[in-house]
PDB file of all heavy atoms in Angstrom:
ATOM      1  N   ARG A   1      56.646 124.580 124.790  1.00  0.00           N
ATOM      2  CA  ARG A   1      57.597 123.710 124.083  1.00  0.00           C
ATOM      3  C   ARG A   1      58.336 124.553 123.045  1.00  0.00           C
ATOM      4  O   ARG A   1      57.718 125.245 122.232  1.00  0.00           O
ATOM      5  CB  ARG A   1      56.889 122.565 123.392  1.00  0.00           C
ATOM      6  CG  ARG A   1      57.862 121.662 122.619  1.00  0.00           C
ATOM      7  CD  ARG A   1      57.228 120.383 122.090  1.00  0.00           C
ATOM      8  NE  ARG A   1      55.985 120.679 121.365  1.00  0.00           N
ATOM      9  CZ  ARG A   1      54.928 119.843 121.411  1.00  0.00           C
ATOM     10  NH1 ARG A   1      54.950 118.736 122.121  1.00  0.00           N
ATOM     11  NH2 ARG A   1      53.853 120.136 120.722  1.00  0.00           N
ATOM     12  N   LEU A   2      59.660 124.503 123.124  1.00  0.00           N
ATOM     13  CA  LEU A   2      60.529 125.198 122.181  1.00  0.00           C
ATOM     14  C   LEU A   2      61.221 124.157 121.311  1.00  0.00           C
ATOM     15  O   LEU A   2      61.862 123.246 121.836  1.00  0.00           O
ATOM     16  CB  LEU A   2      61.572 126.032 122.921  1.00  0.00           C
ATOM     17  CG  LEU A   2      62.636 126.720 122.082  1.00  0.00           C
ATOM     18  CD1 LEU A   2      62.004 127.746 121.126  1.00  0.00           C
ATOM     19  CD2 LEU A   2      63.685 127.384 122.979  1.00  0.00           C
ATOM     20  N   THR A   3      61.073 124.292 120.012  1.00  0.00           N
ATOM     21  CA  THR A   3      61.700 123.388 119.048  1.00  0.00           C
ATOM     22  C   THR A   3      62.571 124.197 118.126  1.00  0.00           C
ATOM     23  O   THR A   3      62.111 125.142 117.478  1.00  0.00           O
ATOM     24  CB  THR A   3      60.642 122.613 118.239  1.00  0.00           C
ATOM     25  OG1 THR A   3      59.758 121.918 119.129  1.00  0.00           O
ATOM     26  CG2 THR A   3      61.288 121.626 117.284  1.00  0.00           C
ATOM     27  N   ILE A   4      63.853 123.811 118.073  1.00  0.00           N
ATOM     28  CA  ILE A   4      64.826 124.471 117.204  1.00  0.00           C
ATOM     29  C   ILE A   4      65.369 123.418 116.234  1.00  0.00           C
ATOM     30  O   ILE A   4      65.805 122.353 116.679  1.00  0.00           O
ATOM     31  CB  ILE A   4      66.021 125.071 117.988  1.00  0.00           C
ATOM     32  CG1 ILE A   4      65.539 125.938 119.138  1.00  0.00           C
ATOM     33  CG2 ILE A   4      66.963 125.801 117.076  1.00  0.00           C
ATOM     34  CD1 ILE A   4      64.846 127.183 118.707  1.00  0.00           C
ATOM     35  N   SER A   5      65.292 123.673 114.941  1.00  0.00           N
ATOM     36  CA  SER A   5      65.792 122.751 113.933  1.00  0.00           C
ATOM     37  C   SER A   5      66.879 123.407 113.109  1.00  0.00           C
ATOM     38  O   SER A   5      66.823 124.609 112.842  1.00  0.00           O
ATOM     39  CB  SER A   5      64.674 122.301 112.989  1.00  0.00           C
ATOM     40  OG  SER A   5      63.657 121.636 113.728  1.00  0.00           O
ATOM     41  N   LEU A   6      67.886 122.631 112.734  1.00  0.00           N
ATOM     42  CA  LEU A   6      68.992 123.110 111.919  1.00  0.00           C
ATOM     43  C   LEU A   6      69.153 122.198 110.715  1.00  0.00           C
ATOM     44  O   LEU A   6      69.108 120.976 110.869  1.00  0.00           O
ATOM     45  CB  LEU A   6      70.294 123.135 112.735  1.00  0.00           C
ATOM     46  CG  LEU A   6      71.513 123.644 112.003  1.00  0.00           C
ATOM     47  CD1 LEU A   6      72.351 124.504 112.933  1.00  0.00           C
ATOM     48  CD2 LEU A   6      72.362 122.485 111.502  1.00  0.00           C
ATOM     49  N   PHE A   7      69.337 122.786 109.550  1.00  0.00           N
ATOM     50  CA  PHE A   7      69.510 122.025 108.302  1.00  0.00           C
ATOM     51  C   PHE A   7      70.754 122.570 107.588  1.00  0.00           C
ATOM     52  O   PHE A   7      70.839 123.775 107.343  1.00  0.00           O
ATOM     53  CB  PHE A   7      68.285 122.145 107.411  1.00  0.00           C
ATOM     54  CG  PHE A   7      68.421 121.499 106.075  1.00  0.00           C
ATOM     55  CD1 PHE A   7      68.341 120.115 105.957  1.00  0.00           C
ATOM     56  CD2 PHE A   7      68.634 122.247 104.942  1.00  0.00           C
ATOM     57  CE1 PHE A   7      68.470 119.508 104.712  1.00  0.00           C
ATOM     58  CE2 PHE A   7      68.756 121.649 103.712  1.00  0.00           C
ATOM     59  CZ  PHE A   7      68.688 120.266 103.592  1.00  0.00           C
ATOM     60  N   VAL A   8      71.712 121.710 107.279  1.00  0.00           N
ATOM     61  CA  VAL A   8      72.929 122.115 106.572  1.00  0.00           C
ATOM     62  C   VAL A   8      72.649 122.043 105.066  1.00  0.00           C
ATOM     63  O   VAL A   8      72.437 120.962 104.522  1.00  0.00           O
ATOM     64  CB  VAL A   8      74.120 121.214 106.943  1.00  0.00           C
ATOM     65  CG1 VAL A   8      75.354 121.592 106.115  1.00  0.00           C
ATOM     66  CG2 VAL A   8      74.421 121.300 108.426  1.00  0.00           C
ATOM     67  N   GLU A   9      72.628 123.193 104.403  1.00  0.00           N
ATOM     68  CA  GLU A   9      72.389 123.251 102.956  1.00  0.00           C
ATOM     69  C   GLU A   9      73.661 122.929 102.180  1.00  0.00           C
ATOM     70  O   GLU A   9      73.630 122.162 101.231  1.00  0.00           O
ATOM     71  CB  GLU A   9      71.885 124.634 102.544  1.00  0.00           C
ATOM     72  CG  GLU A   9      70.526 124.995 103.045  1.00  0.00           C
ATOM     73  CD  GLU A   9      70.117 126.385 102.575  1.00  0.00           C
ATOM     74  OE1 GLU A   9      70.964 127.295 102.559  1.00  0.00           O
ATOM     75  OE2 GLU A   9      68.942 126.547 102.242  1.00  0.00           O
ATOM     76  N   SER A  10      74.768 123.582 102.547  1.00  0.00           N
ATOM     77  CA  SER A  10      76.065 123.377 101.891  1.00  0.00           C
ATOM     78  C   SER A  10      77.076 123.042 102.989  1.00  0.00           C
ATOM     79  O   SER A  10      77.119 123.712 104.022  1.00  0.00           O
ATOM     80  CB  SER A  10      76.529 124.630 101.161  1.00  0.00           C
ATOM     81  OG  SER A  10      75.625 124.944 100.137  1.00  0.00           O
ATOM     82  N   ARG A  11      77.900 122.066 102.738  1.00  0.00           N
ATOM     83  CA  ARG A  11      78.810 121.535 103.757  1.00  0.00           C
ATOM     84  C   ARG A  11      79.945 122.505 104.101  1.00  0.00           C
ATOM     85  O   ARG A  11      80.330 123.356 103.306  1.00  0.00           O
ATOM     86  CB  ARG A  11      79.397 120.203 103.269  1.00  0.00           C
ATOM     87  CG  ARG A  11      80.219 120.328 101.995  1.00  0.00           C
ATOM     88  CD  ARG A  11      80.742 118.989 101.505  1.00  0.00           C
ATOM     89  NE  ARG A  11      81.705 118.356 102.356  1.00  0.00           N
ATOM     90  CZ  ARG A  11      82.973 118.700 102.494  1.00  0.00           C
ATOM     91  NH1 ARG A  11      83.448 119.747 101.836  1.00  0.00           N
ATOM     92  NH2 ARG A  11      83.756 118.040 103.270  1.00  0.00           N
ATOM     93  N   CYS A  12      80.459 122.292 105.309  1.00  0.00           N
ATOM     94  CA  CYS A  12      81.687 123.001 105.751  1.00  0.00           C
ATOM     95  C   CYS A  12      82.874 122.103 105.425  1.00  0.00           C
ATOM     96  O   CYS A  12      82.718 120.917 105.102  1.00  0.00           O
ATOM     97  CB  CYS A  12      81.621 123.314 107.243  1.00  0.00           C
ATOM     98  SG  CYS A  12      81.597 121.859 108.324  1.00  0.00           S
ATOM     99  N   ASP A  13      84.091 122.665 105.515  1.00  0.00           N
ATOM    100  CA  ASP A  13      85.280 121.874 105.247  1.00  0.00           C
ATOM    101  C   ASP A  13      85.627 120.962 106.431  1.00  0.00           C
ATOM    102  O   ASP A  13      86.133 119.860 106.248  1.00  0.00           O
ATOM    103  CB  ASP A  13      86.456 122.779 104.906  1.00  0.00           C
ATOM    104  CG  ASP A  13      86.291 123.459 103.576  1.00  0.00           C
ATOM    105  OD1 ASP A  13      85.463 123.000 102.743  1.00  0.00           O
ATOM    106  OD2 ASP A  13      86.972 124.469 103.328  1.00  0.00           O
ATOM    107  N   SER A  14      85.374 121.422 107.646  1.00  0.00           N
ATOM    108  CA  SER A  14      85.631 120.608 108.842  1.00  0.00           C
ATOM    109  C   SER A  14      84.859 121.164 110.022  1.00  0.00           C
ATOM    110  O   SER A  14      84.460 122.331 110.020  1.00  0.00           O
ATOM    111  CB  SER A  14      87.130 120.597 109.180  1.00  0.00           C
ATOM    112  OG  SER A  14      87.560 121.897 109.534  1.00  0.00           O
ATOM    113  N   GLY A  15      84.628 120.323 111.030  1.00  0.00           N
ATOM    114  CA  GLY A  15      83.991 120.741 112.260  1.00  0.00           C
ATOM    115  C   GLY A  15      82.553 120.319 112.385  1.00  0.00           C
ATOM    116  O   GLY A  15      82.051 119.473 111.655  1.00  0.00           O
ATOM    117  N   SER A  16      81.899 120.906 113.392  1.00  0.00           N
ATOM    118  CA  SER A  16      80.490 120.590 113.655  1.00  0.00           C
ATOM    119  C   SER A  16      79.770 121.817 114.217  1.00  0.00           C
ATOM    120  O   SER A  16      80.410 122.780 114.610  1.00  0.00           O
ATOM    121  CB  SER A  16      80.395 119.414 114.667  1.00  0.00           C
ATOM    122  OG  SER A  16      80.963 119.796 115.911  1.00  0.00           O
ATOM    123  N   LEU A  17      78.475 121.763 114.212  1.00  0.00           N
ATOM    124  CA  LEU A  17      77.635 122.806 114.776  1.00  0.00           C
ATOM    125  C   LEU A  17      76.857 122.219 115.930  1.00  0.00           C
ATOM    126  O   LEU A  17      76.365 121.091 115.863  1.00  0.00           O
ATOM    127  CB  LEU A  17      76.632 123.306 113.725  1.00  0.00           C
ATOM    128  CG  LEU A  17      77.221 123.842 112.420  1.00  0.00           C
ATOM    129  CD1 LEU A  17      76.094 124.146 111.425  1.00  0.00           C
ATOM    130  CD2 LEU A  17      78.037 125.077 112.679  1.00  0.00           C
ATOM    131  N   THR A  18      76.750 122.980 117.020  1.00  0.00           N
ATOM    132  CA  THR A  18      75.928 122.548 118.161  1.00  0.00           C
ATOM    133  C   THR A  18      74.722 123.459 118.250  1.00  0.00           C
ATOM    134  O   THR A  18      74.833 124.688 118.246  1.00  0.00           O
ATOM    135  CB  THR A  18      76.740 122.625 119.469  1.00  0.00           C
ATOM    136  OG1 THR A  18      77.845 121.739 119.373  1.00  0.00           O
ATOM    137  CG2 THR A  18      75.884 122.194 120.650  1.00  0.00           C
ATOM    138  N   LEU A  19      73.568 122.834 118.299  1.00  0.00           N
ATOM    139  CA  LEU A  19      72.289 123.506 118.373  1.00  0.00           C
ATOM    140  C   LEU A  19      71.813 123.466 119.831  1.00  0.00           C
ATOM    141  O   LEU A  19      71.836 122.420 120.459  1.00  0.00           O
ATOM    142  CB  LEU A  19      71.306 122.745 117.477  1.00  0.00           C
ATOM    143  CG  LEU A  19      69.905 123.228 117.291  1.00  0.00           C
ATOM    144  CD1 LEU A  19      69.906 124.637 116.677  1.00  0.00           C
ATOM    145  CD2 LEU A  19      69.142 122.279 116.396  1.00  0.00           C
ATOM    146  N   ASN A  20      71.400 124.611 120.374  1.00  0.00           N
ATOM    147  CA  ASN A  20      70.958 124.676 121.773  1.00  0.00           C
ATOM    148  C   ASN A  20      69.588 125.316 121.865  1.00  0.00           C
ATOM    149  O   ASN A  20      69.377 126.402 121.334  1.00  0.00           O
ATOM    150  CB  ASN A  20      71.970 125.504 122.600  1.00  0.00           C
ATOM    151  CG  ASN A  20      71.588 125.617 124.052  1.00  0.00           C
ATOM    152  OD1 ASN A  20      70.670 124.941 124.535  1.00  0.00           O
ATOM    153  ND2 ASN A  20      72.264 126.489 124.774  1.00  0.00           N
ATOM    154  N   ALA A  21      68.663 124.628 122.502  1.00  0.00           N
ATOM    155  CA  ALA A  21      67.331 125.160 122.804  1.00  0.00           C
ATOM    156  C   ALA A  21      67.202 125.233 124.306  1.00  0.00           C
ATOM    157  O   ALA A  21      67.482 124.272 125.003  1.00  0.00           O
ATOM    158  CB  ALA A  21      66.238 124.263 122.241  1.00  0.00           C
ATOM    159  N   SER A  22      66.779 126.384 124.838  1.00  0.00           N
ATOM    160  CA  SER A  22      66.694 126.556 126.290  1.00  0.00           C
ATOM    161  C   SER A  22      65.499 127.424 126.673  1.00  0.00           C
ATOM    162  O   SER A  22      65.202 128.416 126.025  1.00  0.00           O
ATOM    163  CB  SER A  22      67.989 127.218 126.780  1.00  0.00           C
ATOM    164  OG  SER A  22      67.936 127.491 128.148  1.00  0.00           O
ATOM    165  N   VAL A  23      64.809 127.015 127.742  1.00  0.00           N
ATOM    166  CA  VAL A  23      63.700 127.768 128.285  1.00  0.00           C
ATOM    167  C   VAL A  23      63.989 127.958 129.788  1.00  0.00           C
ATOM    168  O   VAL A  23      64.426 127.019 130.471  1.00  0.00           O
ATOM    169  CB  VAL A  23      62.343 127.006 128.137  1.00  0.00           C
ATOM    170  CG1 VAL A  23      61.223 127.746 128.805  1.00  0.00           C
ATOM    171  CG2 VAL A  23      62.036 126.773 126.680  1.00  0.00           C
ATOM    172  N   SER A  24      63.798 129.175 130.300  1.00  0.00           N
ATOM    173  CA  SER A  24      64.025 129.462 131.750  1.00  0.00           C
ATOM    174  C   SER A  24      62.676 129.700 132.412  1.00  0.00           C
ATOM    175  O   SER A  24      62.204 130.846 132.492  1.00  0.00           O
ATOM    176  CB  SER A  24      64.912 130.670 131.916  1.00  0.00           C
ATOM    177  OG  SER A  24      66.174 130.439 131.370  1.00  0.00           O
ATOM    178  N   PRO A  25      62.015 128.651 132.901  1.00  0.00           N
ATOM    179  CA  PRO A  25      60.657 128.829 133.480  1.00  0.00           C
ATOM    180  C   PRO A  25      60.655 129.607 134.787  1.00  0.00           C
ATOM    181  O   PRO A  25      59.681 130.255 135.110  1.00  0.00           O
ATOM    182  CB  PRO A  25      60.183 127.400 133.671  1.00  0.00           C
ATOM    183  CG  PRO A  25      61.420 126.559 133.754  1.00  0.00           C
ATOM    184  CD  PRO A  25      62.440 127.261 132.923  1.00  0.00           C
ATOM    185  N   ILE A  26      61.743 129.547 135.553  1.00  0.00           N
ATOM    186  CA  ILE A  26      61.860 130.336 136.790  1.00  0.00           C
ATOM    187  C   ILE A  26      63.280 130.901 136.858  1.00  0.00           C
ATOM    188  O   ILE A  26      64.221 130.310 136.297  1.00  0.00           O
ATOM    189  CB  ILE A  26      61.566 129.500 138.076  1.00  0.00           C
ATOM    190  CG1 ILE A  26      62.477 128.286 138.163  1.00  0.00           C
ATOM    191  CG2 ILE A  26      60.108 129.064 138.104  1.00  0.00           C
ATOM    192  CD1 ILE A  26      62.341 127.506 139.453  1.00  0.00           C
ATOM    193  N   PRO A  27      63.466 132.056 137.487  1.00  0.00           N
ATOM    194  CA  PRO A  27      64.803 132.655 137.559  1.00  0.00           C
ATOM    195  C   PRO A  27      65.843 131.679 138.114  1.00  0.00           C
ATOM    196  O   PRO A  27      65.586 130.988 139.083  1.00  0.00           O
ATOM    197  CB  PRO A  27      64.607 133.856 138.481  1.00  0.00           C
ATOM    198  CG  PRO A  27      63.163 134.184 138.363  1.00  0.00           C
ATOM    199  CD  PRO A  27      62.464 132.877 138.183  1.00  0.00           C
ATOM    200  N   GLY A  28      66.990 131.639 137.440  1.00  0.00           N
ATOM    201  CA  GLY A  28      68.078 130.789 137.904  1.00  0.00           C
ATOM    202  C   GLY A  28      67.986 129.328 137.477  1.00  0.00           C
ATOM    203  O   GLY A  28      68.813 128.515 137.858  1.00  0.00           O
ATOM    204  N   HIS A  29      66.953 128.979 136.729  1.00  0.00           N
ATOM    205  CA  HIS A  29      66.776 127.578 136.314  1.00  0.00           C
ATOM    206  C   HIS A  29      66.520 127.555 134.819  1.00  0.00           C
ATOM    207  O   HIS A  29      65.723 128.338 134.315  1.00  0.00           O
ATOM    208  CB  HIS A  29      65.591 126.951 137.046  1.00  0.00           C
ATOM    209  CG  HIS A  29      65.325 125.536 136.647  1.00  0.00           C
ATOM    210  ND1 HIS A  29      66.135 124.489 136.990  1.00  0.00           N
ATOM    211  CD2 HIS A  29      64.339 125.005 135.876  1.00  0.00           C
ATOM    212  CE1 HIS A  29      65.653 123.369 136.490  1.00  0.00           C
ATOM    213  NE2 HIS A  29      64.553 123.644 135.801  1.00  0.00           N
TER     214      HIS A  29
END
């Protein structure tokens, strides 16, 4: 199990952040 957490300490002026967690258990997947 892979868990990735993101916390915004100080705000940005505009936009968003995308958080990606990925595990490749077999080649190509």
